[in-house]
Amino acid sequence: MKVVDMLKALSVVVCVAVASSAYAQSSDAMATTDAAPSAKTTKKVNRKLGLDVRRALSKAQGIDVLNIFVRARAGAVVLTGTVPDGAQIPKAEEVAKGVSGVTSVSNKLTLAVPNGGGG
């Protein structure tokens, strides 16, 4: 009789261990699902960061933002386009780096060809 009681107790312990393990795994899966932002939220955050950088560039003295394009993704900002003066290229990068939320800046600005370059 003692062997049967021991087997019953052992099976209860195994069932409890399996149930708690399954519960812990499902809780972890739900936690990561809830913590991950949706694509819509991510897009909204990226758009706001891009607009914040654009606004900072337009407020900065000595930067012509007419042909500057800003793209932001997860804190990484890419500046593309042209500027009329070469001194504006590093200045635009510094301004972008100073915006809250920017983690890196890839500066792909180039110097505009005077008079359209139609030689």
N, C-alpha and C. Protein backbone atom coordinates (compact mmCIF):
# COMPACT_ATOMS: atom_id res chain seq x y z
N MET A 1 0.81 -1.18 0.00
CA MET A 1 0.00 0.00 0.00
C MET A 1 0.86 1.26 0.00
N LYS A 2 1.98 1.19 0.64
CA LYS A 2 2.85 2.36 0.70
C LYS A 2 3.38 2.72 -0.68
N VAL A 3 3.62 1.78 -1.54
CA VAL A 3 4.13 2.04 -2.88
C VAL A 3 3.08 2.78 -3.69
N VAL A 4 1.82 2.40 -3.56
CA VAL A 4 0.73 3.07 -4.28
C VAL A 4 0.62 4.52 -3.81
N ASP A 5 0.69 4.75 -2.51
CA ASP A 5 0.61 6.12 -1.97
C ASP A 5 1.79 6.96 -2.46
N MET A 6 2.95 6.33 -2.53
CA MET A 6 4.13 7.05 -3.00
C MET A 6 3.98 7.42 -4.48
N LEU A 7 3.47 6.51 -5.30
CA LEU A 7 3.24 6.79 -6.71
C LEU A 7 2.20 7.90 -6.90
N LYS A 8 1.16 7.90 -6.08
CA LYS A 8 0.15 8.97 -6.14
C LYS A 8 0.80 10.32 -5.82
N ALA A 9 1.58 10.35 -4.78
CA ALA A 9 2.24 11.59 -4.38
C ALA A 9 3.20 12.07 -5.46
N LEU A 10 3.93 11.13 -6.05
CA LEU A 10 4.87 11.48 -7.11
C LEU A 10 4.14 12.02 -8.34
N SER A 11 3.02 11.42 -8.69
CA SER A 11 2.25 11.91 -9.84
C SER A 11 1.68 13.30 -9.58
N VAL A 12 1.27 13.58 -8.38
CA VAL A 12 0.78 14.92 -8.03
C VAL A 12 1.91 15.94 -8.17
N VAL A 13 3.09 15.61 -7.71
CA VAL A 13 4.24 16.51 -7.81
C VAL A 13 4.57 16.77 -9.27
N VAL A 14 4.56 15.74 -10.09
CA VAL A 14 4.86 15.89 -11.52
C VAL A 14 3.81 16.77 -12.19
N CYS A 15 2.54 16.54 -11.88
CA CYS A 15 1.46 17.36 -12.46
C CYS A 15 1.60 18.83 -12.07
N VAL A 16 1.93 19.10 -10.83
CA VAL A 16 2.11 20.48 -10.37
C VAL A 16 3.30 21.13 -11.08
N ALA A 17 4.38 20.38 -11.23
CA ALA A 17 5.58 20.92 -11.89
C ALA A 17 5.28 21.24 -13.35
N VAL A 18 4.59 20.35 -14.05
CA VAL A 18 4.26 20.58 -15.46
C VAL A 18 3.31 21.76 -15.60
N ALA A 19 2.31 21.84 -14.75
CA ALA A 19 1.34 22.93 -14.83
C ALA A 19 2.00 24.28 -14.56
N SER A 20 2.87 24.34 -13.57
CA SER A 20 3.53 25.62 -13.28
C SER A 20 4.49 26.02 -14.39
N SER A 21 5.15 25.05 -15.01
CA SER A 21 6.05 25.33 -16.12
C SER A 21 5.26 25.87 -17.31
N ALA A 22 4.15 25.27 -17.63
CA ALA A 22 3.32 25.73 -18.75
C ALA A 22 2.78 27.14 -18.46
N TYR A 23 2.37 27.39 -17.22
CA TYR A 23 1.87 28.71 -16.87
C TYR A 23 2.98 29.77 -17.01
N ALA A 24 4.19 29.45 -16.57
CA ALA A 24 5.30 30.40 -16.66
C ALA A 24 5.62 30.72 -18.12
N GLN A 25 5.57 29.72 -18.99
CA GLN A 25 5.86 29.96 -20.40
C GLN A 25 4.78 30.82 -21.04
N SER A 26 3.52 30.57 -20.73
CA SER A 26 2.46 31.38 -21.33
C SER A 26 2.51 32.81 -20.80
N SER A 27 2.88 32.99 -19.55
CA SER A 27 3.01 34.34 -18.99
C SER A 27 4.12 35.10 -19.66
N ASP A 28 5.26 34.43 -19.93
CA ASP A 28 6.38 35.08 -20.61
C ASP A 28 5.99 35.48 -22.02
N ALA A 29 5.27 34.61 -22.71
CA ALA A 29 4.86 34.91 -24.09
C ALA A 29 3.92 36.11 -24.11
N MET A 30 3.01 36.17 -23.15
CA MET A 30 2.09 37.30 -23.11
C MET A 30 2.83 38.59 -22.76
N ALA A 31 3.82 38.50 -21.91
CA ALA A 31 4.57 39.70 -21.53
C ALA A 31 5.31 40.28 -22.71
N THR A 32 5.94 39.43 -23.53
CA THR A 32 6.67 39.94 -24.68
C THR A 32 5.71 40.47 -25.74
N THR A 33 4.53 39.86 -25.87
CA THR A 33 3.55 40.35 -26.83
C THR A 33 3.05 41.72 -26.42
N ASP A 34 2.76 41.90 -25.13
CA ASP A 34 2.26 43.18 -24.66
C ASP A 34 3.33 44.27 -24.74
N ALA A 35 4.61 43.91 -24.54
CA ALA A 35 5.68 44.90 -24.50
C ALA A 35 6.05 45.37 -25.90
N ALA A 36 5.86 44.54 -26.91
CA ALA A 36 6.24 44.92 -28.27
C ALA A 36 5.24 45.92 -28.83
N PRO A 37 5.72 47.08 -29.30
CA PRO A 37 4.80 48.08 -29.84
C PRO A 37 4.25 47.61 -31.19
N SER A 38 3.05 48.05 -31.49
CA SER A 38 2.45 47.68 -32.77
C SER A 38 3.13 48.45 -33.90
N ALA A 39 2.92 47.97 -35.12
CA ALA A 39 3.52 48.63 -36.28
C ALA A 39 2.99 50.05 -36.41
N LYS A 40 1.74 50.23 -36.08
CA LYS A 40 1.14 51.57 -36.16
C LYS A 40 1.79 52.53 -35.16
N THR A 41 2.02 52.04 -33.95
CA THR A 41 2.67 52.87 -32.93
C THR A 41 4.10 53.20 -33.33
N THR A 42 4.82 52.21 -33.84
CA THR A 42 6.20 52.43 -34.27
C THR A 42 6.27 53.46 -35.38
N LYS A 43 5.37 53.35 -36.33
CA LYS A 43 5.33 54.30 -37.45
C LYS A 43 5.05 55.72 -36.95
N LYS A 44 4.15 55.81 -35.99
CA LYS A 44 3.80 57.12 -35.43
C LYS A 44 4.99 57.75 -34.69
N VAL A 45 5.71 56.92 -33.93
CA VAL A 45 6.88 57.41 -33.19
C VAL A 45 7.97 57.86 -34.17
N ASN A 46 8.20 57.05 -35.22
CA ASN A 46 9.21 57.42 -36.23
C ASN A 46 8.83 58.72 -36.93
N ARG A 47 7.56 58.86 -37.28
CA ARG A 47 7.11 60.08 -37.97
C ARG A 47 7.32 61.30 -37.07
N LYS A 48 6.97 61.16 -35.78
CA LYS A 48 7.12 62.28 -34.86
C LYS A 48 8.59 62.67 -34.71
N LEU A 49 9.47 61.68 -34.61
CA LEU A 49 10.90 61.98 -34.48
C LEU A 49 11.41 62.69 -35.73
N GLY A 50 11.00 62.23 -36.90
CA GLY A 50 11.40 62.89 -38.15
C GLY A 50 10.92 64.33 -38.20
N LEU A 51 9.70 64.56 -37.76
CA LEU A 51 9.17 65.93 -37.74
C LEU A 51 9.90 66.80 -36.72
N ASP A 52 10.25 66.21 -35.58
CA ASP A 52 11.01 66.95 -34.56
C ASP A 52 12.37 67.38 -35.10
N VAL A 53 13.04 66.48 -35.82
CA VAL A 53 14.34 66.82 -36.41
C VAL A 53 14.17 67.90 -37.46
N ARG A 54 13.17 67.75 -38.30
CA ARG A 54 12.90 68.74 -39.36
C ARG A 54 12.63 70.12 -38.74
N ARG A 55 11.86 70.14 -37.67
CA ARG A 55 11.53 71.40 -36.98
C ARG A 55 12.81 72.02 -36.40
N ALA A 56 13.66 71.20 -35.80
CA ALA A 56 14.91 71.71 -35.22
C ALA A 56 15.81 72.28 -36.32
N LEU A 57 15.86 71.60 -37.47
CA LEU A 57 16.68 72.10 -38.58
C LEU A 57 16.14 73.44 -39.09
N SER A 58 14.83 73.57 -39.16
CA SER A 58 14.25 74.81 -39.68
C SER A 58 14.44 75.97 -38.72
N LYS A 59 14.54 75.68 -37.42
CA LYS A 59 14.76 76.74 -36.43
C LYS A 59 16.23 77.14 -36.31
N ALA A 60 17.12 76.26 -36.75
CA ALA A 60 18.56 76.54 -36.64
C ALA A 60 18.95 77.64 -37.62
N GLN A 61 19.80 78.53 -37.15
CA GLN A 61 20.28 79.62 -38.00
C GLN A 61 21.26 79.10 -39.03
N GLY A 62 21.11 79.54 -40.26
CA GLY A 62 22.10 79.22 -41.28
C GLY A 62 21.92 77.89 -41.97
N ILE A 63 20.74 77.25 -41.82
CA ILE A 63 20.49 75.99 -42.53
C ILE A 63 19.27 76.18 -43.43
N ASP A 64 19.46 75.93 -44.71
CA ASP A 64 18.38 75.99 -45.68
C ASP A 64 17.76 74.60 -45.79
N VAL A 65 16.54 74.42 -45.25
CA VAL A 65 15.92 73.10 -45.18
C VAL A 65 15.05 72.78 -46.40
N LEU A 66 15.04 73.66 -47.37
CA LEU A 66 14.16 73.49 -48.53
C LEU A 66 14.35 72.13 -49.21
N ASN A 67 15.58 71.67 -49.37
CA ASN A 67 15.85 70.41 -50.06
C ASN A 67 16.46 69.35 -49.14
N ILE A 68 16.16 69.45 -47.84
CA ILE A 68 16.64 68.44 -46.88
C ILE A 68 15.47 67.53 -46.53
N PHE A 69 15.72 66.23 -46.60
CA PHE A 69 14.70 65.24 -46.28
C PHE A 69 15.18 64.43 -45.07
N VAL A 70 14.27 64.19 -44.14
CA VAL A 70 14.60 63.52 -42.89
C VAL A 70 13.81 62.21 -42.81
N ARG A 71 14.52 61.13 -42.51
CA ARG A 71 13.87 59.82 -42.30
C ARG A 71 14.33 59.29 -40.95
N ALA A 72 13.39 58.88 -40.12
CA ALA A 72 13.73 58.36 -38.79
C ALA A 72 13.20 56.94 -38.64
N ARG A 73 14.00 56.09 -38.01
CA ARG A 73 13.58 54.73 -37.73
C ARG A 73 14.26 54.27 -36.45
N ALA A 74 13.46 54.10 -35.42
CA ALA A 74 13.94 53.61 -34.12
C ALA A 74 15.10 54.43 -33.58
N GLY A 75 15.03 55.74 -33.71
CA GLY A 75 16.07 56.62 -33.18
C GLY A 75 17.18 56.93 -34.16
N ALA A 76 17.28 56.16 -35.23
CA ALA A 76 18.30 56.41 -36.25
C ALA A 76 17.73 57.35 -37.30
N VAL A 77 18.43 58.45 -37.54
CA VAL A 77 17.97 59.48 -38.47
C VAL A 77 18.88 59.50 -39.69
N VAL A 78 18.27 59.61 -40.87
CA VAL A 78 19.01 59.73 -42.12
C VAL A 78 18.64 61.07 -42.74
N LEU A 79 19.67 61.88 -43.02
CA LEU A 79 19.47 63.16 -43.69
C LEU A 79 19.90 63.00 -45.15
N THR A 80 19.00 63.33 -46.08
CA THR A 80 19.34 63.27 -47.50
C THR A 80 18.91 64.58 -48.14
N GLY A 81 19.42 64.81 -49.35
CA GLY A 81 19.07 66.01 -50.08
C GLY A 81 20.29 66.88 -50.33
N THR A 82 20.01 68.14 -50.65
CA THR A 82 21.10 69.06 -50.97
C THR A 82 20.97 70.35 -50.17
N VAL A 83 22.12 70.99 -49.98
CA VAL A 83 22.18 72.30 -49.34
C VAL A 83 23.02 73.22 -50.22
N PRO A 84 22.75 74.53 -50.19
CA PRO A 84 23.49 75.45 -51.06
C PRO A 84 24.90 75.76 -50.59
N ASP A 85 25.20 75.48 -49.32
CA ASP A 85 26.50 75.83 -48.76
C ASP A 85 27.07 74.61 -48.02
N GLY A 86 28.30 74.25 -48.30
CA GLY A 86 28.93 73.09 -47.70
C GLY A 86 29.01 73.14 -46.18
N ALA A 87 29.05 74.33 -45.61
CA ALA A 87 29.13 74.46 -44.15
C ALA A 87 27.85 73.99 -43.47
N GLN A 88 26.75 73.93 -44.22
CA GLN A 88 25.47 73.51 -43.64
C GLN A 88 25.41 72.00 -43.40
N ILE A 89 26.24 71.24 -44.10
CA ILE A 89 26.19 69.78 -43.99
C ILE A 89 26.54 69.32 -42.57
N PRO A 90 27.70 69.68 -42.02
CA PRO A 90 28.00 69.24 -40.65
C PRO A 90 27.10 69.92 -39.60
N LYS A 91 26.68 71.13 -39.90
CA LYS A 91 25.81 71.85 -38.97
C LYS A 91 24.46 71.13 -38.85
N ALA A 92 23.92 70.66 -39.97
CA ALA A 92 22.65 69.95 -39.95
C ALA A 92 22.77 68.66 -39.15
N GLU A 93 23.89 67.99 -39.29
CA GLU A 93 24.12 66.75 -38.54
C GLU A 93 24.15 67.03 -37.04
N GLU A 94 24.84 68.08 -36.63
CA GLU A 94 24.92 68.42 -35.21
C GLU A 94 23.55 68.78 -34.65
N VAL A 95 22.77 69.53 -35.42
CA VAL A 95 21.42 69.89 -34.96
C VAL A 95 20.57 68.63 -34.79
N ALA A 96 20.64 67.72 -35.75
CA ALA A 96 19.86 66.48 -35.68
C ALA A 96 20.26 65.64 -34.47
N LYS A 97 21.56 65.57 -34.18
CA LYS A 97 22.04 64.80 -33.03
C LYS A 97 21.53 65.37 -31.71
N GLY A 98 21.24 66.66 -31.70
CA GLY A 98 20.78 67.30 -30.47
C GLY A 98 19.30 67.12 -30.18
N VAL A 99 18.55 66.50 -31.08
CA VAL A 99 17.12 66.30 -30.87
C VAL A 99 16.90 65.11 -29.96
N SER A 100 16.02 65.27 -29.00
CA SER A 100 15.72 64.20 -28.05
C SER A 100 15.14 62.99 -28.78
N GLY A 101 15.69 61.82 -28.49
CA GLY A 101 15.22 60.59 -29.11
C GLY A 101 16.10 60.10 -30.24
N VAL A 102 16.99 60.96 -30.73
CA VAL A 102 17.89 60.58 -31.82
C VAL A 102 19.07 59.81 -31.23
N THR A 103 19.30 58.60 -31.75
CA THR A 103 20.41 57.79 -31.26
C THR A 103 21.59 57.82 -32.22
N SER A 104 21.33 58.02 -33.51
CA SER A 104 22.41 58.12 -34.50
C SER A 104 21.93 58.93 -35.69
N VAL A 105 22.89 59.52 -36.41
CA VAL A 105 22.58 60.31 -37.60
C VAL A 105 23.47 59.85 -38.75
N SER A 106 22.84 59.53 -39.86
CA SER A 106 23.56 59.22 -41.08
C SER A 106 23.37 60.41 -42.01
N ASN A 107 24.45 61.15 -42.23
CA ASN A 107 24.37 62.39 -42.99
C ASN A 107 24.74 62.12 -44.45
N LYS A 108 23.73 62.14 -45.31
CA LYS A 108 23.95 61.92 -46.73
C LYS A 108 23.65 63.18 -47.54
N LEU A 109 23.76 64.32 -46.88
CA LEU A 109 23.54 65.61 -47.57
C LEU A 109 24.68 65.87 -48.54
N THR A 110 24.35 66.51 -49.63
CA THR A 110 25.36 66.88 -50.62
C THR A 110 25.23 68.36 -50.95
N LEU A 111 26.26 68.88 -51.57
CA LEU A 111 26.28 70.28 -51.97
C LEU A 111 25.50 70.43 -53.26
N ALA A 112 24.57 71.38 -53.29
CA ALA A 112 23.78 71.62 -54.48
C ALA A 112 24.65 72.23 -55.58
N VAL A 113 24.38 71.81 -56.79
CA VAL A 113 25.10 72.36 -57.94
C VAL A 113 24.50 73.73 -58.25
N PRO A 114 25.34 74.81 -58.31
CA PRO A 114 24.80 76.15 -58.56
C PRO A 114 24.09 76.24 -59.91
N ASN A 115 22.99 76.96 -59.94
CA ASN A 115 22.19 77.19 -61.15
C ASN A 115 21.75 75.91 -61.83
N GLY A 116 21.53 74.87 -61.05
CA GLY A 116 21.02 73.62 -61.59
C GLY A 116 22.04 72.81 -62.34
N GLY A 117 23.23 73.28 -62.57
CA GLY A 117 24.28 72.51 -63.21
C GLY A 117 24.00 72.18 -64.67
N GLY A 118 23.20 72.97 -65.32
CA GLY A 118 22.83 72.66 -66.69
C GLY A 118 23.83 73.14 -67.73
N GLY A 119 25.09 73.19 -67.46
CA GLY A 119 26.20 73.64 -68.24
C GLY A 119 26.15 73.66 -69.65
